[in-house]
Amino acid sequence: MNPADLQGLRSGTLETREAHVHRLLDRARAHEDESAIAALHVLVRDYPDFHRSLYSRAMNQAEVFADAGLAEPLLAALGDTRYNCQAWAVMGCAAMDIRAAVPQLVTLLDHPQWIVRGETVTALGQLGDASVVPALRPLLGDQADWLRQRTADTLAKIGGDAALEALWHEFEHRRFPRIGYLASTLALFTPEVVPRLLAATDSPDPDQRYWAAVALGSTGDDRAVPALERLMAEDRGVTVFDGEVRTAAKKALRTLRRIQAAIAGREKTETETPTS
């Protein structure tokens, strides 16, 4: 490692040191510069010796210098409340695929800082499995809309029966008027979720019919077409936020057709592309 690369992290004004971090990251990304990467590794390994601002800037782009050998200091930083860079340590664990972090991540889901909770939810989508679903599930009822959406995305990414049941329970026992994020994530569980959504189009609750239509449109599944056509033609229901079920069904049908056309186009391209 070029001593100047490390020295630039240790000396000078905070502003010049921050600029040095960005230069190291640029070199690591563009040229896989070994000296730059080594200096960034020192920043992670000896993090208490460096300003928090340097650490957070490096961790925002941790994927460019990822190394499984950094697991120990990253796990230490996850629990270091004095250094107070837990959100960025979470980012690093996700970027470096450190699955040993999962137990600590679960404990951070009720952290008082919103940024820690948010980054933890995102990281669990990459590092977690069905075992973390019970810990994530309560966040579907969080008062922060963005955190509910992020949690739904994470559950969909984890997948499996437990994640589907958590999302479906929230869909059936709706606690918030606008749940487009639930409709979008439920659609990712196609084909198994389609019969449930079709049944929901007969619900006495216009809000549930509305969101079922939205979700069905995003499935791209032909089985949704008759139900969407029926809702479009017959349903005069209105949601608590004045959305019309028939309008949702009309838009959903267009979405479904676009998805099907895109799939057909990809399949045609793959068929026509010669194999070497």
C-alpha atoms as a PDB file:
ATOM      1  CA  MET A   1       0.000   0.000   0.000  1.00  0.00           C
ATOM      2  CA  ASN A   2       1.223   3.483  -0.857  1.00  0.00           C
ATOM      3  CA  PRO A   3       1.774   5.247   2.521  1.00  0.00           C
ATOM      4  CA  ALA A   4       0.261   8.422   1.068  1.00  0.00           C
ATOM      5  CA  ASP A   5      -3.101   6.678   0.616  1.00  0.00           C
ATOM      6  CA  LEU A   6      -3.301   5.919   4.325  1.00  0.00           C
ATOM      7  CA  GLN A   7      -1.808   9.243   5.369  1.00  0.00           C
ATOM      8  CA  GLY A   8      -4.534  11.058   3.448  1.00  0.00           C
ATOM      9  CA  LEU A   9      -7.074   9.482   5.805  1.00  0.00           C
ATOM     10  CA  ARG A  10      -5.172  10.542   8.909  1.00  0.00           C
ATOM     11  CA  SER A  11      -4.012  14.096   8.274  1.00  0.00           C
ATOM     12  CA  GLY A  12      -5.401  17.352   6.950  1.00  0.00           C
ATOM     13  CA  THR A  13      -8.747  19.029   7.491  1.00  0.00           C
ATOM     14  CA  LEU A  14     -11.866  16.926   7.677  1.00  0.00           C
ATOM     15  CA  GLU A  15     -12.896  18.278   4.296  1.00  0.00           C
ATOM     16  CA  THR A  16      -9.634  17.167   2.637  1.00  0.00           C
ATOM     17  CA  ARG A  17      -9.848  13.751   4.292  1.00  0.00           C
ATOM     18  CA  GLU A  18     -13.416  13.312   3.050  1.00  0.00           C
ATOM     19  CA  ALA A  19     -12.297  14.227  -0.450  1.00  0.00           C
ATOM     20  CA  HIS A  20      -9.478  11.690  -0.128  1.00  0.00           C
ATOM     21  CA  VAL A  21     -11.989   8.940   0.733  1.00  0.00           C
ATOM     22  CA  HIS A  22     -13.917   9.715  -2.440  1.00  0.00           C
ATOM     23  CA  ARG A  23     -10.726   9.579  -4.504  1.00  0.00           C
ATOM     24  CA  LEU A  24      -9.840   6.208  -2.999  1.00  0.00           C
ATOM     25  CA  LEU A  25     -13.328   4.931  -3.798  1.00  0.00           C
ATOM     26  CA  ASP A  26     -13.091   6.196  -7.372  1.00  0.00           C
ATOM     27  CA  ARG A  27      -9.740   4.485  -7.856  1.00  0.00           C
ATOM     28  CA  ALA A  28     -11.023   1.262  -6.329  1.00  0.00           C
ATOM     29  CA  ARG A  29     -14.074   1.281  -8.588  1.00  0.00           C
ATOM     30  CA  ALA A  30     -12.501   2.360 -11.841  1.00  0.00           C
ATOM     31  CA  HIS A  31      -9.138   0.657 -11.687  1.00  0.00           C
ATOM     32  CA  GLU A  32      -9.382  -1.914  -8.876  1.00  0.00           C
ATOM     33  CA  ASP A  33      -6.450  -0.017  -7.404  1.00  0.00           C
ATOM     34  CA  GLU A  34      -4.879  -2.317  -4.798  1.00  0.00           C
ATOM     35  CA  SER A  35      -3.359   0.509  -2.757  1.00  0.00           C
ATOM     36  CA  ALA A  36      -6.674   2.375  -2.574  1.00  0.00           C
ATOM     37  CA  ILE A  37      -8.512  -0.788  -1.575  1.00  0.00           C
ATOM     38  CA  ALA A  38      -5.928  -1.570   1.099  1.00  0.00           C
ATOM     39  CA  ALA A  39      -6.292   1.919   2.595  1.00  0.00           C
ATOM     40  CA  LEU A  40     -10.081   1.542   2.694  1.00  0.00           C
ATOM     41  CA  HIS A  41      -9.662  -1.820   4.412  1.00  0.00           C
ATOM     42  CA  VAL A  42      -7.587  -0.135   7.120  1.00  0.00           C
ATOM     43  CA  LEU A  43     -10.356   2.441   7.568  1.00  0.00           C
ATOM     44  CA  VAL A  44     -12.811  -0.372   8.232  1.00  0.00           C
ATOM     45  CA  ARG A  45     -10.527  -2.509  10.402  1.00  0.00           C
ATOM     46  CA  ASP A  46      -9.365   0.394  12.589  1.00  0.00           C
ATOM     47  CA  TYR A  47     -12.580   2.382  12.407  1.00  0.00           C
ATOM     48  CA  PRO A  48     -12.398   3.918  15.937  1.00  0.00           C
ATOM     49  CA  ASP A  49      -9.209   5.707  14.861  1.00  0.00           C
ATOM     50  CA  PHE A  50     -10.972   7.580  12.065  1.00  0.00           C
ATOM     51  CA  HIS A  51     -13.632  10.266  11.953  1.00  0.00           C
ATOM     52  CA  ARG A  52     -17.196   8.987  11.601  1.00  0.00           C
ATOM     53  CA  SER A  53     -17.641  11.039   8.452  1.00  0.00           C
ATOM     54  CA  LEU A  54     -14.877   9.107   6.696  1.00  0.00           C
ATOM     55  CA  TYR A  55     -16.328   5.779   7.743  1.00  0.00           C
ATOM     56  CA  SER A  56     -19.852   6.640   6.635  1.00  0.00           C
ATOM     57  CA  ARG A  57     -18.679   7.882   3.237  1.00  0.00           C
ATOM     58  CA  ALA A  58     -16.710   4.708   2.651  1.00  0.00           C
ATOM     59  CA  MET A  59     -19.587   2.469   3.707  1.00  0.00           C
ATOM     60  CA  ASN A  60     -21.985   4.218   1.350  1.00  0.00           C
ATOM     61  CA  GLN A  61     -19.977   2.537  -1.415  1.00  0.00           C
ATOM     62  CA  ALA A  62     -18.692  -0.523   0.443  1.00  0.00           C
ATOM     63  CA  GLU A  63     -19.291  -2.814  -2.515  1.00  0.00           C
ATOM     64  CA  VAL A  64     -16.265  -1.368  -4.351  1.00  0.00           C
ATOM     65  CA  PHE A  65     -13.814  -2.659  -1.740  1.00  0.00           C
ATOM     66  CA  ALA A  66     -15.758  -5.609  -0.302  1.00  0.00           C
ATOM     67  CA  ASP A  67     -13.757  -8.296   1.456  1.00  0.00           C
ATOM     68  CA  ALA A  68     -15.041 -11.124   3.640  1.00  0.00           C
ATOM     69  CA  GLY A  69     -12.001 -10.616   5.852  1.00  0.00           C
ATOM     70  CA  LEU A  70     -13.580  -7.423   7.196  1.00  0.00           C
ATOM     71  CA  ALA A  71     -16.364  -9.312   8.970  1.00  0.00           C
ATOM     72  CA  GLU A  72     -14.931  -8.982  12.471  1.00  0.00           C
ATOM     73  CA  PRO A  73     -14.589  -5.173  12.554  1.00  0.00           C
ATOM     74  CA  LEU A  74     -17.941  -4.745  10.848  1.00  0.00           C
ATOM     75  CA  LEU A  75     -19.648  -6.915  13.438  1.00  0.00           C
ATOM     76  CA  ALA A  76     -17.923  -4.899  16.150  1.00  0.00           C
ATOM     77  CA  ALA A  77     -19.140  -1.631  14.612  1.00  0.00           C
ATOM     78  CA  LEU A  78     -22.719  -2.948  14.544  1.00  0.00           C
ATOM     79  CA  GLY A  79     -22.771  -2.921  18.320  1.00  0.00           C
ATOM     80  CA  ASP A  80     -20.610   0.141  18.891  1.00  0.00           C
ATOM     81  CA  THR A  81     -23.034   2.774  20.174  1.00  0.00           C
ATOM     82  CA  ARG A  82     -20.241   5.191  21.103  1.00  0.00           C
ATOM     83  CA  TYR A  83     -18.915   5.372  17.547  1.00  0.00           C
ATOM     84  CA  ASN A  84     -22.532   5.717  16.391  1.00  0.00           C
ATOM     85  CA  CYS A  85     -22.091   4.479  12.831  1.00  0.00           C
ATOM     86  CA  GLN A  86     -24.310   1.433  13.116  1.00  0.00           C
ATOM     87  CA  ALA A  87     -26.363   2.267  10.013  1.00  0.00           C
ATOM     88  CA  TRP A  88     -23.210   2.361   7.901  1.00  0.00           C
ATOM     89  CA  ALA A  89     -21.869  -0.820   9.469  1.00  0.00           C
ATOM     90  CA  VAL A  90     -25.169  -2.419   8.416  1.00  0.00           C
ATOM     91  CA  MET A  91     -24.543  -1.231   4.851  1.00  0.00           C
ATOM     92  CA  GLY A  92     -21.089  -2.766   4.946  1.00  0.00           C
ATOM     93  CA  CYS A  93     -22.377  -6.117   6.189  1.00  0.00           C
ATOM     94  CA  ALA A  94     -24.907  -6.208   3.368  1.00  0.00           C
ATOM     95  CA  ALA A  95     -22.352  -5.197   0.724  1.00  0.00           C
ATOM     96  CA  MET A  96     -19.919  -7.849   1.920  1.00  0.00           C
ATOM     97  CA  ASP A  97     -22.540 -10.576   2.400  1.00  0.00           C
ATOM     98  CA  ILE A  98     -21.743 -11.107   6.081  1.00  0.00           C
ATOM     99  CA  ARG A  99     -24.532 -13.465   7.121  1.00  0.00           C
ATOM    100  CA  ALA A 100     -23.110 -13.812  10.606  1.00  0.00           C
ATOM    101  CA  ALA A 101     -24.497 -10.307  11.168  1.00  0.00           C
ATOM    102  CA  VAL A 102     -28.129 -11.455  11.021  1.00  0.00           C
ATOM    103  CA  PRO A 103     -28.653 -12.002  14.791  1.00  0.00           C
ATOM    104  CA  GLN A 104     -27.328  -8.505  15.509  1.00  0.00           C
ATOM    105  CA  LEU A 105     -29.374  -7.032  12.689  1.00  0.00           C
ATOM    106  CA  VAL A 106     -32.559  -8.421  14.185  1.00  0.00           C
ATOM    107  CA  THR A 107     -31.816  -6.592  17.431  1.00  0.00           C
ATOM    108  CA  LEU A 108     -31.381  -3.342  15.500  1.00  0.00           C
ATOM    109  CA  LEU A 109     -34.918  -3.417  14.089  1.00  0.00           C
ATOM    110  CA  ASP A 110     -36.145  -1.438  17.111  1.00  0.00           C
ATOM    111  CA  HIS A 111     -33.196   0.951  17.171  1.00  0.00           C
ATOM    112  CA  PRO A 112     -34.175   4.527  18.102  1.00  0.00           C
ATOM    113  CA  GLN A 113     -32.553   5.970  14.960  1.00  0.00           C
ATOM    114  CA  TRP A 114     -34.743   5.735  11.869  1.00  0.00           C
ATOM    115  CA  ILE A 115     -31.758   5.364   9.532  1.00  0.00           C
ATOM    116  CA  VAL A 116     -30.525   2.305  11.438  1.00  0.00           C
ATOM    117  CA  ARG A 117     -33.954   0.665  11.266  1.00  0.00           C
ATOM    118  CA  GLY A 118     -34.274   1.389   7.564  1.00  0.00           C
ATOM    119  CA  GLU A 119     -30.840   0.098   6.598  1.00  0.00           C
ATOM    120  CA  THR A 120     -31.337  -2.957   8.773  1.00  0.00           C
ATOM    121  CA  VAL A 121     -34.587  -3.854   7.027  1.00  0.00           C
ATOM    122  CA  THR A 122     -32.869  -3.513   3.652  1.00  0.00           C
ATOM    123  CA  ALA A 123     -29.895  -5.615   4.758  1.00  0.00           C
ATOM    124  CA  LEU A 124     -32.119  -8.403   6.025  1.00  0.00           C
ATOM    125  CA  GLY A 125     -33.627  -8.654   2.565  1.00  0.00           C
ATOM    126  CA  GLN A 126     -30.187  -9.681   1.340  1.00  0.00           C
ATOM    127  CA  LEU A 127     -28.804 -11.581   4.307  1.00  0.00           C
ATOM    128  CA  GLY A 128     -31.874 -12.969   6.044  1.00  0.00           C
ATOM    129  CA  ASP A 129     -34.135 -15.962   5.490  1.00  0.00           C
ATOM    130  CA  ALA A 130     -37.500 -17.168   6.776  1.00  0.00           C
ATOM    131  CA  SER A 131     -36.196 -17.107  10.349  1.00  0.00           C
ATOM    132  CA  VAL A 132     -36.234 -13.282  10.388  1.00  0.00           C
ATOM    133  CA  VAL A 133     -39.816 -12.913   9.131  1.00  0.00           C
ATOM    134  CA  PRO A 134     -41.362 -12.848  12.649  1.00  0.00           C
ATOM    135  CA  ALA A 135     -39.064  -9.961  13.583  1.00  0.00           C
ATOM    136  CA  LEU A 136     -39.894  -8.025  10.416  1.00  0.00           C
ATOM    137  CA  ARG A 137     -43.631  -8.596  10.510  1.00  0.00           C
ATOM    138  CA  PRO A 138     -44.476  -5.947  13.153  1.00  0.00           C
ATOM    139  CA  LEU A 139     -42.876  -3.261  10.992  1.00  0.00           C
ATOM    140  CA  LEU A 140     -45.714  -3.657   8.482  1.00  0.00           C
ATOM    141  CA  GLY A 141     -47.692  -1.698  11.046  1.00  0.00           C
ATOM    142  CA  ASP A 142     -45.124   1.054  11.562  1.00  0.00           C
ATOM    143  CA  GLN A 143     -46.428   4.601  11.422  1.00  0.00           C
ATOM    144  CA  ALA A 144     -43.775   5.549   8.863  1.00  0.00           C
ATOM    145  CA  ASP A 145     -45.060   4.802   5.373  1.00  0.00           C
ATOM    146  CA  TRP A 146     -41.553   4.424   3.913  1.00  0.00           C
ATOM    147  CA  LEU A 147     -40.610   1.819   6.513  1.00  0.00           C
ATOM    148  CA  ARG A 148     -43.765  -0.205   5.856  1.00  0.00           C
ATOM    149  CA  GLN A 149     -42.954  -0.176   2.151  1.00  0.00           C
ATOM    150  CA  ARG A 150     -39.340  -1.166   2.722  1.00  0.00           C
ATOM    151  CA  THR A 151     -40.420  -3.990   5.017  1.00  0.00           C
ATOM    152  CA  ALA A 152     -42.866  -5.307   2.424  1.00  0.00           C
ATOM    153  CA  ASP A 153     -40.113  -5.236  -0.204  1.00  0.00           C
ATOM    154  CA  THR A 154     -37.775  -7.121   2.116  1.00  0.00           C
ATOM    155  CA  LEU A 155     -40.371  -9.787   2.877  1.00  0.00           C
ATOM    156  CA  ALA A 156     -40.982 -10.270  -0.838  1.00  0.00           C
ATOM    157  CA  LYS A 157     -37.243 -10.582  -1.417  1.00  0.00           C
ATOM    158  CA  ILE A 158     -36.951 -13.217   1.302  1.00  0.00           C
ATOM    159  CA  GLY A 159     -39.965 -15.032  -0.119  1.00  0.00           C
ATOM    160  CA  GLY A 160     -41.496 -18.259   1.143  1.00  0.00           C
ATOM    161  CA  ASP A 161     -44.719 -19.136   2.922  1.00  0.00           C
ATOM    162  CA  ALA A 162     -44.032 -17.156   6.109  1.00  0.00           C
ATOM    163  CA  ALA A 163     -43.340 -13.943   4.198  1.00  0.00           C
ATOM    164  CA  LEU A 164     -46.436 -14.407   2.047  1.00  0.00           C
ATOM    165  CA  GLU A 165     -48.606 -14.999   5.108  1.00  0.00           C
ATOM    166  CA  ALA A 166     -47.280 -11.847   6.781  1.00  0.00           C
ATOM    167  CA  LEU A 167     -48.088  -9.738   3.730  1.00  0.00           C
ATOM    168  CA  TRP A 168     -51.456 -11.378   3.178  1.00  0.00           C
ATOM    169  CA  HIS A 169     -52.505 -10.855   6.791  1.00  0.00           C
ATOM    170  CA  GLU A 170     -51.775  -7.157   6.414  1.00  0.00           C
ATOM    171  CA  PHE A 171     -53.703  -7.127   3.134  1.00  0.00           C
ATOM    172  CA  GLU A 172     -56.744  -8.723   4.752  1.00  0.00           C
ATOM    173  CA  HIS A 173     -56.598  -6.690   7.973  1.00  0.00           C
ATOM    174  CA  ARG A 174     -55.689  -3.400   6.365  1.00  0.00           C
ATOM    175  CA  ARG A 175     -54.501  -0.817   8.897  1.00  0.00           C
ATOM    176  CA  PHE A 176     -53.728   1.963   6.427  1.00  0.00           C
ATOM    177  CA  PRO A 177     -55.812   3.322   3.544  1.00  0.00           C
ATOM    178  CA  ARG A 178     -53.148   3.235   0.838  1.00  0.00           C
ATOM    179  CA  ILE A 179     -51.438  -0.136   0.511  1.00  0.00           C
ATOM    180  CA  GLY A 180     -50.112  -0.096  -3.030  1.00  0.00           C
ATOM    181  CA  TYR A 181     -46.838  -1.464  -1.706  1.00  0.00           C
ATOM    182  CA  LEU A 182     -48.663  -4.568  -0.448  1.00  0.00           C
ATOM    183  CA  ALA A 183     -50.357  -5.050  -3.809  1.00  0.00           C
ATOM    184  CA  SER A 184     -47.001  -4.787  -5.600  1.00  0.00           C
ATOM    185  CA  THR A 185     -45.208  -7.205  -3.300  1.00  0.00           C
ATOM    186  CA  LEU A 186     -48.027  -9.737  -3.209  1.00  0.00           C
ATOM    187  CA  ALA A 187     -47.933  -9.878  -7.008  1.00  0.00           C
ATOM    188  CA  LEU A 188     -44.353 -11.156  -6.733  1.00  0.00           C
ATOM    189  CA  PHE A 189     -45.686 -14.355  -5.169  1.00  0.00           C
ATOM    190  CA  THR A 190     -47.296 -15.402  -8.453  1.00  0.00           C
ATOM    191  CA  PRO A 191     -48.597 -17.999  -9.214  1.00  0.00           C
ATOM    192  CA  GLU A 192     -49.551 -19.190  -5.717  1.00  0.00           C
ATOM    193  CA  VAL A 193     -51.118 -15.880  -4.651  1.00  0.00           C
ATOM    194  CA  VAL A 194     -53.392 -15.525  -7.700  1.00  0.00           C
ATOM    195  CA  PRO A 195     -56.310 -17.642  -6.367  1.00  0.00           C
ATOM    196  CA  ARG A 196     -56.325 -15.605  -3.149  1.00  0.00           C
ATOM    197  CA  LEU A 197     -56.400 -12.343  -5.075  1.00  0.00           C
ATOM    198  CA  LEU A 198     -59.171 -13.615  -7.322  1.00  0.00           C
ATOM    199  CA  ALA A 199     -61.233 -14.501  -4.264  1.00  0.00           C
ATOM    200  CA  ALA A 200     -60.584 -11.007  -2.871  1.00  0.00           C
ATOM    201  CA  THR A 201     -62.239  -9.456  -5.955  1.00  0.00           C
ATOM    202  CA  ASP A 202     -65.528 -10.766  -4.508  1.00  0.00           C
ATOM    203  CA  SER A 203     -64.951  -9.184  -1.101  1.00  0.00           C
ATOM    204  CA  PRO A 204     -67.743  -6.963   0.269  1.00  0.00           C
ATOM    205  CA  ASP A 205     -65.022  -4.387   1.037  1.00  0.00           C
ATOM    206  CA  PRO A 206     -64.446  -2.088  -1.968  1.00  0.00           C
ATOM    207  CA  ASP A 207     -60.965  -1.230  -0.699  1.00  0.00           C
ATOM    208  CA  GLN A 208     -59.978  -4.881  -0.774  1.00  0.00           C
ATOM    209  CA  ARG A 209     -61.430  -5.313  -4.258  1.00  0.00           C
ATOM    210  CA  TYR A 210     -59.527  -2.220  -5.381  1.00  0.00           C
ATOM    211  CA  TRP A 211     -56.149  -3.453  -4.124  1.00  0.00           C
ATOM    212  CA  ALA A 212     -56.796  -6.987  -5.313  1.00  0.00           C
ATOM    213  CA  ALA A 213     -57.311  -5.580  -8.808  1.00  0.00           C
ATOM    214  CA  VAL A 214     -54.077  -3.591  -8.582  1.00  0.00           C
ATOM    215  CA  ALA A 215     -52.162  -6.672  -7.480  1.00  0.00           C
ATOM    216  CA  LEU A 216     -53.691  -8.888 -10.151  1.00  0.00           C
ATOM    217  CA  GLY A 217     -52.619  -6.463 -12.838  1.00  0.00           C
ATOM    218  CA  SER A 218     -49.035  -6.749 -11.680  1.00  0.00           C
ATOM    219  CA  THR A 219     -49.048 -10.551 -11.829  1.00  0.00           C
ATOM    220  CA  GLY A 220     -49.269 -10.730 -15.623  1.00  0.00           C
ATOM    221  CA  ASP A 221     -51.335 -13.887 -15.093  1.00  0.00           C
ATOM    222  CA  ASP A 222     -54.075 -14.701 -17.654  1.00  0.00           C
ATOM    223  CA  ARG A 223     -56.305 -16.043 -14.889  1.00  0.00           C
ATOM    224  CA  ALA A 224     -56.799 -12.450 -13.727  1.00  0.00           C
ATOM    225  CA  VAL A 225     -58.365 -11.235 -16.972  1.00  0.00           C
ATOM    226  CA  PRO A 226     -62.013 -12.310 -16.424  1.00  0.00           C
ATOM    227  CA  ALA A 227     -62.072 -10.900 -12.898  1.00  0.00           C
ATOM    228  CA  LEU A 228     -60.572  -7.598 -13.987  1.00  0.00           C
ATOM    229  CA  GLU A 229     -62.983  -7.319 -16.892  1.00  0.00           C
ATOM    230  CA  ARG A 230     -65.898  -7.990 -14.545  1.00  0.00           C
ATOM    231  CA  LEU A 231     -64.766  -5.341 -12.054  1.00  0.00           C
ATOM    232  CA  MET A 232     -64.223  -2.858 -14.840  1.00  0.00           C
ATOM    233  CA  ALA A 233     -67.693  -3.416 -16.246  1.00  0.00           C
ATOM    234  CA  GLU A 234     -69.770  -3.879 -13.095  1.00  0.00           C
ATOM    235  CA  ASP A 235     -68.098  -2.621  -9.926  1.00  0.00           C
ATOM    236  CA  ARG A 236     -69.177   0.833  -8.756  1.00  0.00           C
ATOM    237  CA  GLY A 237     -67.397   0.578  -5.418  1.00  0.00           C
ATOM    238  CA  VAL A 238     -65.391   3.506  -4.043  1.00  0.00           C
ATOM    239  CA  THR A 239     -62.528   3.317  -1.555  1.00  0.00           C
ATOM    240  CA  VAL A 240     -61.988   5.376   1.591  1.00  0.00           C
ATOM    241  CA  PHE A 241     -59.684   7.632  -0.445  1.00  0.00           C
ATOM    242  CA  ASP A 242     -62.254   8.018  -3.255  1.00  0.00           C
ATOM    243  CA  GLY A 243     -60.617   5.564  -5.629  1.00  0.00           C
ATOM    244  CA  GLU A 244     -62.982   3.707  -7.961  1.00  0.00           C
ATOM    245  CA  VAL A 245     -62.672  -0.058  -8.158  1.00  0.00           C
ATOM    246  CA  ARG A 246     -63.587  -0.104 -11.842  1.00  0.00           C
ATOM    247  CA  THR A 247     -60.867   2.447 -12.607  1.00  0.00           C
ATOM    248  CA  ALA A 248     -58.299   0.360 -10.730  1.00  0.00           C
ATOM    249  CA  ALA A 249     -59.387  -2.706 -12.691  1.00  0.00           C
ATOM    250  CA  LYS A 250     -59.082  -0.852 -16.003  1.00  0.00           C
ATOM    251  CA  LYS A 251     -55.553   0.298 -15.195  1.00  0.00           C
ATOM    252  CA  ALA A 252     -54.653  -3.145 -13.894  1.00  0.00           C
ATOM    253  CA  LEU A 253     -55.774  -4.774 -17.120  1.00  0.00           C
ATOM    254  CA  ARG A 254     -53.534  -2.428 -19.097  1.00  0.00           C
ATOM    255  CA  THR A 255     -50.638  -3.203 -16.774  1.00  0.00           C
ATOM    256  CA  LEU A 256     -51.217  -6.935 -17.161  1.00  0.00           C
ATOM    257  CA  ARG A 257     -51.172  -6.647 -20.958  1.00  0.00           C
ATOM    258  CA  ARG A 258     -47.955  -4.626 -20.890  1.00  0.00           C
ATOM    259  CA  ILE A 259     -46.292  -7.248 -18.695  1.00  0.00           C
ATOM    260  CA  GLN A 260     -47.423 -10.040 -20.985  1.00  0.00           C
ATOM    261  CA  ALA A 261     -46.191  -8.160 -24.057  1.00  0.00           C
ATOM    262  CA  ALA A 262     -42.814  -7.549 -22.431  1.00  0.00           C
ATOM    263  CA  ILE A 263     -42.474 -11.225 -21.511  1.00  0.00           C
ATOM    264  CA  ALA A 264     -43.430 -12.282 -25.032  1.00  0.00           C
ATOM    265  CA  GLY A 265     -40.892  -9.856 -26.472  1.00  0.00           C
ATOM    266  CA  ARG A 266     -38.088 -11.206 -24.289  1.00  0.00           C
ATOM    267  CA  GLU A 267     -38.976 -14.783 -25.152  1.00  0.00           C
ATOM    268  CA  LYS A 268     -38.991 -13.948 -28.854  1.00  0.00           C
ATOM    269  CA  THR A 269     -35.578 -12.278 -28.574  1.00  0.00           C
ATOM    270  CA  GLU A 270     -34.150 -15.258 -26.722  1.00  0.00           C
ATOM    271  CA  THR A 271     -35.537 -17.624 -29.344  1.00  0.00           C
ATOM    272  CA  GLU A 272     -34.119 -15.611 -32.211  1.00  0.00           C
ATOM    273  CA  THR A 273     -30.685 -15.049 -30.630  1.00  0.00           C
ATOM    274  CA  PRO A 274     -28.267 -17.672 -31.966  1.00  0.00           C
ATOM    275  CA  THR A 275     -26.340 -19.623 -29.380  1.00  0.00           C
ATOM    276  CA  SER A 276     -22.597 -19.948 -29.737  1.00  0.00           C
END
